[in-house]
Amino acid sequence: MISYKPIFIDPAFECSRSDMVDLVWKKGRLDAYFLVPDDAHRLRVSFDQTETFRVMDEMPLSTEEPHFDDEGLISDHFSYTVENTAFWNMQSEAFIACKPRMKHYRFITGRTCLDVLSDHEPLFKMVAIESP
């Protein structure tokens, strides 16, 4: 059973109406940008350091493992820490043992899922959309 622990952010938004629009990974830092209802801004989710991450369509995620017993999953919620997932369980025991503070973070939209393994907590910030 997957255990979801919601991360509440401001502003809250319907994740089913969002999508990831950009992803920048440089020297271990990860910045992911997501659509929000405000046309002038994007939500930036940042990690100062990541160990590994993956981006997948919501459809393969929903078929990756049984979801009938998921604990803590909230309808239309965007951000979580998660435990006992296929992505975490596919990591080697040595890797997990070397990173005792590492957590699995999951960000879900209507179309995309971003999974991040990191020792660092995510930083959330609304950023203005740059003009072309």
Foldseek 3Di string as FASTA:
>chain_A
DKEWDADDDPPWAQQQPKDWDDWDADPQKIWIWMDGPDPFKTKIKIDPGFDDKDKDWVVCVPVVDDDPPYHPDDHRGFKTWMPDDPVVVVDDPVVCVVQVQWTWMWTGHSTMIMITIDSTDIDIDIDGDDDD
